Amino acid sequence: MKKRYVVSAVGAVGAGIASYYLMDSNSRYKLKKMAKSSAKKVNRVFENAGVPDQSDEQELDQLENAKMVSEGSQFGVQYYNEKKNENTSEQQQNL
């Protein structure tokens, strides 16, 4: 069987399972709740990248970022500043 047929079949089966699962409103609510909590975590991690030594949270990625900054690396701080500037300029353009 050709690879594209297998991929198409897997995609169709996945779409069918997803639509069956999302028919129930309780399942949709759980999925939305999970998506919101994951979005909050991404924002929290992003905000912590800008202040690596000033966070109360002791997650592994935060500790590694603080260690790199203490060794002289500014990658995390520069990345945070660039993305923060991009987000503020996009918000100003949307107004």
N, C-alpha and C. Protein backbone atom coordinates (compact mmCIF):
# COMPACT_ATOMS: atom_id res chain seq x y z
N MET A 1 0.84 -1.17 0.00
CA MET A 1 0.00 0.00 0.00
C MET A 1 0.89 1.24 0.00
N LYS A 2 0.49 2.25 -0.72
CA LYS A 2 1.30 3.45 -0.81
C LYS A 2 1.20 4.26 0.47
N LYS A 3 2.25 5.00 0.70
CA LYS A 3 2.36 5.77 1.93
C LYS A 3 1.26 6.82 2.04
N ARG A 4 0.91 7.47 0.95
CA ARG A 4 -0.10 8.52 1.03
C ARG A 4 -1.47 7.96 1.39
N TYR A 5 -1.77 6.74 0.97
CA TYR A 5 -3.04 6.14 1.33
C TYR A 5 -3.10 5.82 2.83
N VAL A 6 -1.99 5.38 3.35
CA VAL A 6 -1.93 5.07 4.78
C VAL A 6 -2.10 6.34 5.59
N VAL A 7 -1.40 7.41 5.19
CA VAL A 7 -1.51 8.67 5.91
C VAL A 7 -2.93 9.22 5.83
N SER A 8 -3.55 9.13 4.66
CA SER A 8 -4.93 9.58 4.50
C SER A 8 -5.89 8.77 5.36
N ALA A 9 -5.69 7.48 5.41
CA ALA A 9 -6.55 6.61 6.22
C ALA A 9 -6.40 6.92 7.71
N VAL A 10 -5.18 7.11 8.13
CA VAL A 10 -4.94 7.44 9.55
C VAL A 10 -5.57 8.79 9.88
N GLY A 11 -5.44 9.75 8.98
CA GLY A 11 -6.05 11.05 9.20
C GLY A 11 -7.56 10.97 9.28
N ALA A 12 -8.17 10.18 8.42
CA ALA A 12 -9.62 10.02 8.42
C ALA A 12 -10.09 9.35 9.71
N VAL A 13 -9.38 8.33 10.14
CA VAL A 13 -9.74 7.64 11.38
C VAL A 13 -9.57 8.60 12.56
N GLY A 14 -8.52 9.37 12.57
CA GLY A 14 -8.30 10.35 13.65
C GLY A 14 -9.39 11.39 13.69
N ALA A 15 -9.81 11.89 12.53
CA ALA A 15 -10.89 12.87 12.48
C ALA A 15 -12.20 12.26 12.97
N GLY A 16 -12.44 11.02 12.62
CA GLY A 16 -13.65 10.35 13.09
C GLY A 16 -13.67 10.17 14.60
N ILE A 17 -12.56 9.77 15.15
CA ILE A 17 -12.46 9.60 16.60
C ILE A 17 -12.62 10.94 17.30
N ALA A 18 -11.98 11.98 16.77
CA ALA A 18 -12.09 13.31 17.38
C ALA A 18 -13.53 13.81 17.34
N SER A 19 -14.20 13.64 16.22
CA SER A 19 -15.59 14.12 16.13
C SER A 19 -16.50 13.33 17.08
N TYR A 20 -16.28 12.04 17.22
CA TYR A 20 -17.07 11.23 18.15
C TYR A 20 -16.82 11.68 19.58
N TYR A 21 -15.55 11.94 19.92
CA TYR A 21 -15.20 12.35 21.28
C TYR A 21 -15.79 13.73 21.59
N LEU A 22 -15.79 14.64 20.61
CA LEU A 22 -16.24 16.01 20.85
C LEU A 22 -17.75 16.18 20.74
N MET A 23 -18.49 15.12 20.44
CA MET A 23 -19.96 15.22 20.41
C MET A 23 -20.50 15.50 21.80
N ASP A 24 -19.86 14.99 22.81
CA ASP A 24 -20.29 15.19 24.19
C ASP A 24 -19.83 16.57 24.68
N SER A 25 -20.74 17.36 25.23
CA SER A 25 -20.39 18.72 25.67
C SER A 25 -19.42 18.68 26.85
N ASN A 26 -19.49 17.65 27.68
CA ASN A 26 -18.57 17.54 28.80
C ASN A 26 -17.14 17.34 28.31
N SER A 27 -16.97 16.55 27.27
CA SER A 27 -15.64 16.34 26.69
C SER A 27 -15.10 17.62 26.08
N ARG A 28 -15.97 18.38 25.41
CA ARG A 28 -15.54 19.66 24.83
C ARG A 28 -15.09 20.61 25.92
N TYR A 29 -15.83 20.65 27.04
CA TYR A 29 -15.48 21.52 28.15
C TYR A 29 -14.11 21.15 28.73
N LYS A 30 -13.87 19.84 28.91
CA LYS A 30 -12.59 19.38 29.43
C LYS A 30 -11.45 19.76 28.50
N LEU A 31 -11.67 19.63 27.19
CA LEU A 31 -10.64 19.96 26.21
C LEU A 31 -10.34 21.46 26.23
N LYS A 32 -11.38 22.29 26.32
CA LYS A 32 -11.17 23.74 26.38
C LYS A 32 -10.42 24.12 27.66
N LYS A 33 -10.78 23.50 28.77
CA LYS A 33 -10.12 23.77 30.05
C LYS A 33 -8.65 23.39 29.99
N MET A 34 -8.36 22.26 29.37
CA MET A 34 -6.98 21.80 29.25
C MET A 34 -6.19 22.75 28.34
N ALA A 35 -6.80 23.23 27.27
CA ALA A 35 -6.12 24.15 26.35
C ALA A 35 -5.82 25.47 27.04
N LYS A 36 -6.75 25.97 27.84
CA LYS A 36 -6.52 27.22 28.55
C LYS A 36 -5.41 27.09 29.57
N SER A 37 -5.37 25.97 30.29
CA SER A 37 -4.32 25.79 31.29
C SER A 37 -2.95 25.66 30.64
N SER A 38 -2.88 25.02 29.47
CA SER A 38 -1.61 24.91 28.78
C SER A 38 -1.17 26.26 28.24
N ALA A 39 -2.12 27.10 27.80
CA ALA A 39 -1.77 28.44 27.32
C ALA A 39 -1.26 29.30 28.47
N LYS A 40 -1.84 29.15 29.65
CA LYS A 40 -1.36 29.90 30.82
C LYS A 40 0.06 29.50 31.17
N LYS A 41 0.36 28.20 31.07
CA LYS A 41 1.70 27.74 31.39
C LYS A 41 2.72 28.30 30.40
N VAL A 42 2.37 28.35 29.12
CA VAL A 42 3.27 28.91 28.12
C VAL A 42 3.54 30.37 28.43
N ASN A 43 2.50 31.14 28.77
CA ASN A 43 2.69 32.54 29.11
C ASN A 43 3.55 32.70 30.36
N ARG A 44 3.34 31.84 31.34
CA ARG A 44 4.11 31.93 32.58
C ARG A 44 5.58 31.64 32.32
N VAL A 45 5.84 30.63 31.51
CA VAL A 45 7.23 30.29 31.18
C VAL A 45 7.87 31.43 30.41
N PHE A 46 7.12 32.04 29.48
CA PHE A 46 7.63 33.16 28.71
C PHE A 46 7.95 34.34 29.61
N GLU A 47 7.07 34.67 30.53
CA GLU A 47 7.32 35.79 31.44
C GLU A 47 8.51 35.52 32.34
N ASN A 48 8.70 34.28 32.77
CA ASN A 48 9.84 33.94 33.62
C ASN A 48 11.16 34.02 32.87
N ALA A 49 11.13 33.88 31.54
CA ALA A 49 12.36 33.94 30.76
C ALA A 49 12.98 35.33 30.82
N GLY A 50 12.16 36.35 31.00
CA GLY A 50 12.67 37.72 31.07
C GLY A 50 13.31 38.07 32.39
N VAL A 51 13.01 37.34 33.43
CA VAL A 51 13.57 37.60 34.76
C VAL A 51 14.06 36.28 35.35
N PRO A 52 15.18 35.77 34.87
CA PRO A 52 15.58 34.41 35.25
C PRO A 52 15.96 34.23 36.72
N ASP A 53 16.47 35.26 37.37
CA ASP A 53 16.90 35.10 38.76
C ASP A 53 15.86 35.57 39.76
N GLN A 54 14.75 36.10 39.29
CA GLN A 54 13.81 36.75 40.20
C GLN A 54 12.51 35.98 40.36
N SER A 55 12.46 34.74 39.95
CA SER A 55 11.24 33.96 40.02
C SER A 55 11.25 33.07 41.26
N ASP A 56 10.06 32.92 41.85
CA ASP A 56 9.93 32.04 43.02
C ASP A 56 9.83 30.57 42.61
N GLU A 57 9.43 30.33 41.36
CA GLU A 57 9.26 28.96 40.89
C GLU A 57 10.62 28.33 40.63
N GLN A 58 10.74 27.08 40.98
CA GLN A 58 12.01 26.38 40.84
C GLN A 58 11.89 25.25 39.83
N GLU A 59 11.41 25.57 38.63
CA GLU A 59 11.31 24.55 37.59
C GLU A 59 12.67 24.37 36.93
N LEU A 60 12.86 23.23 36.30
CA LEU A 60 14.15 22.90 35.70
C LEU A 60 14.56 23.91 34.64
N ASP A 61 13.64 24.28 33.74
CA ASP A 61 14.00 25.23 32.69
C ASP A 61 14.34 26.59 33.26
N GLN A 62 13.67 27.00 34.33
CA GLN A 62 13.96 28.28 34.97
C GLN A 62 15.34 28.26 35.63
N LEU A 63 15.68 27.16 36.27
CA LEU A 63 16.99 27.05 36.90
C LEU A 63 18.11 27.04 35.87
N GLU A 64 17.88 26.34 34.74
CA GLU A 64 18.89 26.31 33.69
C GLU A 64 19.09 27.68 33.07
N ASN A 65 18.00 28.41 32.86
CA ASN A 65 18.09 29.75 32.30
C ASN A 65 18.83 30.68 33.26
N ALA A 66 18.55 30.59 34.56
CA ALA A 66 19.24 31.41 35.55
C ALA A 66 20.73 31.07 35.58
N LYS A 67 21.07 29.80 35.45
CA LYS A 67 22.48 29.39 35.44
C LYS A 67 23.19 29.96 34.22
N MET A 68 22.55 29.90 33.05
CA MET A 68 23.17 30.45 31.84
C MET A 68 23.38 31.96 31.95
N VAL A 69 22.40 32.67 32.54
CA VAL A 69 22.53 34.11 32.70
C VAL A 69 23.65 34.43 33.68
N SER A 70 23.77 33.64 34.74
CA SER A 70 24.84 33.89 35.69
C SER A 70 26.21 33.65 35.07
N GLU A 71 26.26 32.81 34.03
CA GLU A 71 27.52 32.57 33.32
C GLU A 71 27.77 33.60 32.23
N GLY A 72 26.82 34.52 32.01
CA GLY A 72 27.03 35.58 31.04
C GLY A 72 26.15 35.50 29.81
N SER A 73 25.36 34.46 29.66
CA SER A 73 24.50 34.33 28.49
C SER A 73 23.28 35.24 28.65
N GLN A 74 22.94 35.93 27.59
CA GLN A 74 21.78 36.81 27.60
C GLN A 74 20.71 36.36 26.61
N PHE A 75 20.82 35.13 26.11
CA PHE A 75 19.90 34.65 25.08
C PHE A 75 18.45 34.71 25.55
N GLY A 76 18.16 34.18 26.72
CA GLY A 76 16.79 34.15 27.21
C GLY A 76 16.22 35.54 27.41
N VAL A 77 17.02 36.44 27.93
CA VAL A 77 16.57 37.81 28.17
C VAL A 77 16.35 38.53 26.85
N GLN A 78 17.27 38.37 25.90
CA GLN A 78 17.11 39.01 24.60
C GLN A 78 15.89 38.46 23.86
N TYR A 79 15.69 37.16 23.91
CA TYR A 79 14.53 36.54 23.27
C TYR A 79 13.25 37.10 23.87
N TYR A 80 13.20 37.20 25.18
CA TYR A 80 12.03 37.74 25.86
C TYR A 80 11.77 39.17 25.40
N ASN A 81 12.81 39.99 25.37
CA ASN A 81 12.65 41.39 24.98
C ASN A 81 12.16 41.52 23.54
N GLU A 82 12.70 40.71 22.63
CA GLU A 82 12.28 40.76 21.23
C GLU A 82 10.82 40.36 21.08
N LYS A 83 10.44 39.26 21.71
CA LYS A 83 9.05 38.79 21.60
C LYS A 83 8.08 39.76 22.27
N LYS A 84 8.48 40.33 23.38
CA LYS A 84 7.63 41.29 24.08
C LYS A 84 7.41 42.52 23.20
N ASN A 85 8.47 42.98 22.53
CA ASN A 85 8.34 44.12 21.62
C ASN A 85 7.45 43.78 20.43
N GLU A 86 7.58 42.58 19.89
CA GLU A 86 6.73 42.15 18.78
C GLU A 86 5.27 42.12 19.21
N ASN A 87 5.01 41.60 20.39
CA ASN A 87 3.62 41.50 20.88
C ASN A 87 3.02 42.88 21.10
N THR A 88 3.79 43.80 21.67
CA THR A 88 3.24 45.14 21.91
C THR A 88 3.02 45.89 20.60
N SER A 89 3.91 45.71 19.62
CA SER A 89 3.72 46.39 18.34
C SER A 89 2.51 45.81 17.60
N GLU A 90 2.28 44.50 17.69
CA GLU A 90 1.10 43.88 17.07
C GLU A 90 -0.17 44.38 17.73
N GLN A 91 -0.15 44.53 19.05
CA GLN A 91 -1.34 45.02 19.75
C GLN A 91 -1.64 46.46 19.39
N GLN A 92 -0.60 47.28 19.22
CA GLN A 92 -0.81 48.67 18.84
C GLN A 92 -1.35 48.78 17.42
N GLN A 93 -0.92 47.90 16.53
CA GLN A 93 -1.40 47.93 15.16
C GLN A 93 -2.86 47.49 15.09
N ASN A 94 -3.27 46.58 15.98
CA ASN A 94 -4.63 46.10 15.97
C ASN A 94 -5.62 47.13 16.52
N LEU A 95 -5.11 48.10 17.25
CA LEU A 95 -6.01 49.12 17.81
C LEU A 95 -6.32 50.10 16.75
